[in-house]
Amino acid sequence: MTQTELTELTMLLKDKGLTVAFAESCTAGMLASELVKAKGSSDVLMGSLVVYQPEAKKKLLGVKQETLDLYTAESQQVTNEMVMGLKKALAADISVATTGLAGPGGSENSEKPVGTMFVSILYDGKAEEFREVFKGNSLSIRKQLSDYIFEKLKGIVEEHYDR
């Protein structure tokens, strides 16, 4: 997203009185870093936890070892536990968690190739899950995912926060 589009998103969140928080694994802080380029970001960004290693996911967000063992760190199940832990930790109106495979060396396989990303968004007592596969190098995949998440946030706010 451009800086103008990010500012439109932050103004939309601000106008609705909403805050957002991120639990970032594969994006490694890119969501927060991108959002703060927008005017008004300090009014809506509660914070971001970079939980790159499984140990950080467990310690900071309460992800269970058995979930990691059963599904791998790069899975929808882990992302779902991450978003629940984030909601408890920061209590933002909208909590977003993401994991995935931005490069080789994780749990990639034929059903889950490099570029597979998982997103969980928790808001207003609802949760939405997304799984997408992006192409490109690690930086490109992370940027595509960040833009994808910002578009999802915009859609959720426009659709569900009509107050």
C-alpha atoms as a PDB file:
ATOM      1  CA  MET A   1       0.000   0.000   0.000  1.00  0.00           C
ATOM      2  CA  THR A   2       1.102   3.531  -0.610  1.00  0.00           C
ATOM      3  CA  GLN A   3       1.554   5.977   2.241  1.00  0.00           C
ATOM      4  CA  THR A   4      -1.685   7.659   1.157  1.00  0.00           C
ATOM      5  CA  GLU A   5      -3.585   4.355   1.270  1.00  0.00           C
ATOM      6  CA  LEU A   6      -2.113   3.539   4.680  1.00  0.00           C
ATOM      7  CA  THR A   7      -3.149   6.981   5.936  1.00  0.00           C
ATOM      8  CA  GLU A   8      -6.681   6.338   4.645  1.00  0.00           C
ATOM      9  CA  LEU A   9      -6.693   3.067   6.604  1.00  0.00           C
ATOM     10  CA  THR A  10      -5.458   4.726   9.810  1.00  0.00           C
ATOM     11  CA  MET A  11      -8.024   7.523   9.453  1.00  0.00           C
ATOM     12  CA  LEU A  12     -10.761   4.919   8.936  1.00  0.00           C
ATOM     13  CA  LEU A  13      -9.659   3.104  12.096  1.00  0.00           C
ATOM     14  CA  LYS A  14      -9.359   6.381  14.018  1.00  0.00           C
ATOM     15  CA  ASP A  15     -12.789   7.605  12.880  1.00  0.00           C
ATOM     16  CA  LYS A  16     -14.315   4.374  14.223  1.00  0.00           C
ATOM     17  CA  GLY A  17     -12.334   4.637  17.463  1.00  0.00           C
ATOM     18  CA  LEU A  18     -10.513   1.363  16.798  1.00  0.00           C
ATOM     19  CA  THR A  19      -7.059   0.137  17.743  1.00  0.00           C
ATOM     20  CA  VAL A  20      -5.034  -2.594  16.066  1.00  0.00           C
ATOM     21  CA  ALA A  21      -2.244  -4.906  17.237  1.00  0.00           C
ATOM     22  CA  PHE A  22      -0.062  -7.385  15.384  1.00  0.00           C
ATOM     23  CA  ALA A  23       1.604 -10.684  16.252  1.00  0.00           C
ATOM     24  CA  GLU A  24       4.187 -11.050  13.517  1.00  0.00           C
ATOM     25  CA  SER A  25       6.238 -14.091  12.699  1.00  0.00           C
ATOM     26  CA  CYS A  26       7.141 -14.196   8.993  1.00  0.00           C
ATOM     27  CA  THR A  27       6.607 -10.442   8.551  1.00  0.00           C
ATOM     28  CA  ALA A  28       9.156  -9.797  11.325  1.00  0.00           C
ATOM     29  CA  GLY A  29       7.805  -6.341  12.204  1.00  0.00           C
ATOM     30  CA  MET A  30       6.960  -5.229   8.669  1.00  0.00           C
ATOM     31  CA  LEU A  31       3.259  -4.698   9.468  1.00  0.00           C
ATOM     32  CA  ALA A  32       4.022  -2.238  12.252  1.00  0.00           C
ATOM     33  CA  SER A  33       6.860  -0.662  10.290  1.00  0.00           C
ATOM     34  CA  GLU A  34       4.628  -0.066   7.272  1.00  0.00           C
ATOM     35  CA  LEU A  35       1.644   1.187   9.290  1.00  0.00           C
ATOM     36  CA  VAL A  36       3.703   3.814  11.128  1.00  0.00           C
ATOM     37  CA  LYS A  37       4.451   5.461   7.785  1.00  0.00           C
ATOM     38  CA  ALA A  38       0.838   6.631   7.844  1.00  0.00           C
ATOM     39  CA  LYS A  39      -0.334   9.868   9.372  1.00  0.00           C
ATOM     40  CA  GLY A  40      -2.306   9.120  12.540  1.00  0.00           C
ATOM     41  CA  SER A  41      -0.770   5.706  13.158  1.00  0.00           C
ATOM     42  CA  SER A  42       0.018   6.568  16.789  1.00  0.00           C
ATOM     43  CA  ASP A  43      -3.725   6.888  17.418  1.00  0.00           C
ATOM     44  CA  VAL A  44      -4.535   3.372  16.214  1.00  0.00           C
ATOM     45  CA  LEU A  45      -1.480   1.110  16.543  1.00  0.00           C
ATOM     46  CA  MET A  46      -1.498  -0.489  19.993  1.00  0.00           C
ATOM     47  CA  GLY A  47       1.679  -2.466  19.356  1.00  0.00           C
ATOM     48  CA  SER A  48       3.302  -5.383  17.596  1.00  0.00           C
ATOM     49  CA  LEU A  49       4.995  -8.495  18.907  1.00  0.00           C
ATOM     50  CA  VAL A  50       7.602 -10.078  16.660  1.00  0.00           C
ATOM     51  CA  VAL A  51       7.518 -13.768  17.526  1.00  0.00           C
ATOM     52  CA  TYR A  52       9.813 -15.273  14.946  1.00  0.00           C
ATOM     53  CA  GLN A  53      10.932 -18.396  16.823  1.00  0.00           C
ATOM     54  CA  PRO A  54       8.518 -21.014  18.217  1.00  0.00           C
ATOM     55  CA  GLU A  55       9.879 -20.310  21.716  1.00  0.00           C
ATOM     56  CA  ALA A  56       8.738 -16.666  21.449  1.00  0.00           C
ATOM     57  CA  LYS A  57       5.294 -17.771  20.245  1.00  0.00           C
ATOM     58  CA  LYS A  58       5.007 -19.980  23.338  1.00  0.00           C
ATOM     59  CA  LYS A  59       6.398 -17.522  25.898  1.00  0.00           C
ATOM     60  CA  LEU A  60       4.760 -14.317  24.679  1.00  0.00           C
ATOM     61  CA  LEU A  61       1.499 -15.566  23.178  1.00  0.00           C
ATOM     62  CA  GLY A  62       0.791 -18.867  24.919  1.00  0.00           C
ATOM     63  CA  VAL A  63       1.028 -21.049  21.819  1.00  0.00           C
ATOM     64  CA  LYS A  64       0.977 -24.661  22.978  1.00  0.00           C
ATOM     65  CA  GLN A  65       3.944 -26.970  22.291  1.00  0.00           C
ATOM     66  CA  GLU A  66       1.541 -29.707  21.221  1.00  0.00           C
ATOM     67  CA  THR A  67       0.053 -27.392  18.577  1.00  0.00           C
ATOM     68  CA  LEU A  68       3.536 -26.633  17.259  1.00  0.00           C
ATOM     69  CA  ASP A  69       4.424 -30.332  17.247  1.00  0.00           C
ATOM     70  CA  LEU A  70       1.198 -31.402  15.565  1.00  0.00           C
ATOM     71  CA  TYR A  71       0.807 -28.662  12.949  1.00  0.00           C
ATOM     72  CA  THR A  72       4.247 -26.903  12.699  1.00  0.00           C
ATOM     73  CA  ALA A  73       5.033 -23.278  13.497  1.00  0.00           C
ATOM     74  CA  GLU A  74       3.831 -22.264  10.028  1.00  0.00           C
ATOM     75  CA  SER A  75       0.161 -23.260  10.257  1.00  0.00           C
ATOM     76  CA  GLN A  76      -3.331 -21.837  10.663  1.00  0.00           C
ATOM     77  CA  GLN A  77      -3.680 -23.564  14.035  1.00  0.00           C
ATOM     78  CA  VAL A  78      -0.602 -21.804  15.417  1.00  0.00           C
ATOM     79  CA  THR A  79      -1.735 -18.492  13.918  1.00  0.00           C
ATOM     80  CA  ASN A  80      -5.103 -18.909  15.649  1.00  0.00           C
ATOM     81  CA  GLU A  81      -3.415 -19.441  19.023  1.00  0.00           C
ATOM     82  CA  MET A  82      -1.148 -16.472  18.346  1.00  0.00           C
ATOM     83  CA  VAL A  83      -4.104 -14.140  17.749  1.00  0.00           C
ATOM     84  CA  MET A  84      -5.825 -15.292  20.951  1.00  0.00           C
ATOM     85  CA  GLY A  85      -2.641 -14.650  22.949  1.00  0.00           C
ATOM     86  CA  LEU A  86      -2.250 -11.251  21.294  1.00  0.00           C
ATOM     87  CA  LYS A  87      -5.796 -10.275  22.260  1.00  0.00           C
ATOM     88  CA  LYS A  88      -5.020 -11.165  25.889  1.00  0.00           C
ATOM     89  CA  ALA A  89      -1.664  -9.350  25.824  1.00  0.00           C
ATOM     90  CA  LEU A  90      -2.643  -6.059  24.178  1.00  0.00           C
ATOM     91  CA  ALA A  91      -6.470  -5.998  24.082  1.00  0.00           C
ATOM     92  CA  ALA A  92      -6.655  -4.063  20.821  1.00  0.00           C
ATOM     93  CA  ASP A  93     -10.022  -3.815  19.084  1.00  0.00           C
ATOM     94  CA  ILE A  94      -8.586  -5.706  16.113  1.00  0.00           C
ATOM     95  CA  SER A  95      -5.844  -8.296  16.599  1.00  0.00           C
ATOM     96  CA  VAL A  96      -3.906  -9.694  13.627  1.00  0.00           C
ATOM     97  CA  ALA A  97      -1.522 -12.660  13.696  1.00  0.00           C
ATOM     98  CA  THR A  98       0.504 -14.073  10.847  1.00  0.00           C
ATOM     99  CA  THR A  99       2.861 -16.963  10.221  1.00  0.00           C
ATOM    100  CA  GLY A 100       4.143 -18.507   7.049  1.00  0.00           C
ATOM    101  CA  LEU A 101       6.971 -19.552   4.816  1.00  0.00           C
ATOM    102  CA  ALA A 102       8.689 -16.533   3.277  1.00  0.00           C
ATOM    103  CA  GLY A 103      11.711 -18.654   2.369  1.00  0.00           C
ATOM    104  CA  PRO A 104      12.961 -22.236   2.410  1.00  0.00           C
ATOM    105  CA  GLY A 105      13.993 -24.044   5.581  1.00  0.00           C
ATOM    106  CA  GLY A 106      10.693 -24.276   7.440  1.00  0.00           C
ATOM    107  CA  SER A 107       7.907 -26.817   7.161  1.00  0.00           C
ATOM    108  CA  GLU A 108       7.377 -26.443   3.424  1.00  0.00           C
ATOM    109  CA  ASN A 109       6.024 -29.399   1.445  1.00  0.00           C
ATOM    110  CA  SER A 110       3.990 -29.960  -1.718  1.00  0.00           C
ATOM    111  CA  GLU A 111       0.756 -28.872   0.002  1.00  0.00           C
ATOM    112  CA  LYS A 112       2.453 -25.963   1.756  1.00  0.00           C
ATOM    113  CA  PRO A 113       5.097 -24.485  -0.572  1.00  0.00           C
ATOM    114  CA  VAL A 114       7.347 -21.522   0.163  1.00  0.00           C
ATOM    115  CA  GLY A 115       5.130 -18.449  -0.082  1.00  0.00           C
ATOM    116  CA  THR A 116       2.274 -20.004   1.927  1.00  0.00           C
ATOM    117  CA  MET A 117       1.022 -17.510   4.508  1.00  0.00           C
ATOM    118  CA  PHE A 118      -1.526 -17.833   7.293  1.00  0.00           C
ATOM    119  CA  VAL A 119      -3.439 -14.923   8.835  1.00  0.00           C
ATOM    120  CA  SER A 120      -5.908 -14.773  11.724  1.00  0.00           C
ATOM    121  CA  ILE A 121      -7.844 -11.589  12.455  1.00  0.00           C
ATOM    122  CA  LEU A 122      -9.842 -11.307  15.672  1.00  0.00           C
ATOM    123  CA  TYR A 123     -12.334  -8.459  16.028  1.00  0.00           C
ATOM    124  CA  ASP A 124     -15.654  -7.744  17.732  1.00  0.00           C
ATOM    125  CA  GLY A 125     -15.912 -11.327  19.003  1.00  0.00           C
ATOM    126  CA  LYS A 126     -15.345 -12.772  15.527  1.00  0.00           C
ATOM    127  CA  ALA A 127     -12.335 -14.483  13.979  1.00  0.00           C
ATOM    128  CA  GLU A 128     -11.416 -14.759  10.326  1.00  0.00           C
ATOM    129  CA  GLU A 129      -8.742 -17.061   8.911  1.00  0.00           C
ATOM    130  CA  PHE A 130      -6.909 -16.636   5.626  1.00  0.00           C
ATOM    131  CA  ARG A 131      -4.412 -18.802   3.761  1.00  0.00           C
ATOM    132  CA  GLU A 132      -2.688 -17.401   0.686  1.00  0.00           C
ATOM    133  CA  VAL A 133       0.291 -18.385  -1.422  1.00  0.00           C
ATOM    134  CA  PHE A 134       2.485 -15.575  -2.754  1.00  0.00           C
ATOM    135  CA  LYS A 135       5.317 -15.804  -5.283  1.00  0.00           C
ATOM    136  CA  GLY A 136       8.695 -14.087  -5.246  1.00  0.00           C
ATOM    137  CA  ASN A 137      11.668 -13.697  -2.946  1.00  0.00           C
ATOM    138  CA  SER A 138      11.356 -13.378   0.833  1.00  0.00           C
ATOM    139  CA  LEU A 139      11.075  -9.571   0.838  1.00  0.00           C
ATOM    140  CA  SER A 140       8.499  -9.586  -1.956  1.00  0.00           C
ATOM    141  CA  ILE A 141       6.408 -12.270  -0.226  1.00  0.00           C
ATOM    142  CA  ARG A 142       6.448 -10.368   3.084  1.00  0.00           C
ATOM    143  CA  LYS A 143       5.483  -7.114   1.329  1.00  0.00           C
ATOM    144  CA  GLN A 144       2.655  -8.821  -0.568  1.00  0.00           C
ATOM    145  CA  LEU A 145       1.398 -10.326   2.697  1.00  0.00           C
ATOM    146  CA  SER A 146       1.526  -6.952   4.469  1.00  0.00           C
ATOM    147  CA  ASP A 147      -0.489  -5.288   1.693  1.00  0.00           C
ATOM    148  CA  TYR A 148      -2.927  -8.220   1.728  1.00  0.00           C
ATOM    149  CA  ILE A 149      -3.456  -7.826   5.497  1.00  0.00           C
ATOM    150  CA  PHE A 150      -3.977  -4.063   5.226  1.00  0.00           C
ATOM    151  CA  GLU A 151      -6.609  -4.651   2.511  1.00  0.00           C
ATOM    152  CA  LYS A 152      -8.334  -7.230   4.742  1.00  0.00           C
ATOM    153  CA  LEU A 153      -8.291  -4.761   7.656  1.00  0.00           C
ATOM    154  CA  LYS A 154      -9.846  -2.065   5.499  1.00  0.00           C
ATOM    155  CA  GLY A 155     -12.583  -4.455   4.353  1.00  0.00           C
ATOM    156  CA  ILE A 156     -13.340  -5.630   7.888  1.00  0.00           C
ATOM    157  CA  VAL A 157     -13.607  -2.084   9.226  1.00  0.00           C
ATOM    158  CA  GLU A 158     -15.822  -0.954   6.340  1.00  0.00           C
ATOM    159  CA  GLU A 159     -18.066  -4.001   6.591  1.00  0.00           C
ATOM    160  CA  HIS A 160     -18.324  -4.587  10.349  1.00  0.00           C
ATOM    161  CA  TYR A 161     -17.866  -1.214  12.026  1.00  0.00           C
ATOM    162  CA  ASP A 162     -20.668   0.862  10.602  1.00  0.00           C
ATOM    163  CA  ARG A 163     -21.173   2.896  13.748  1.00  0.00           C
END
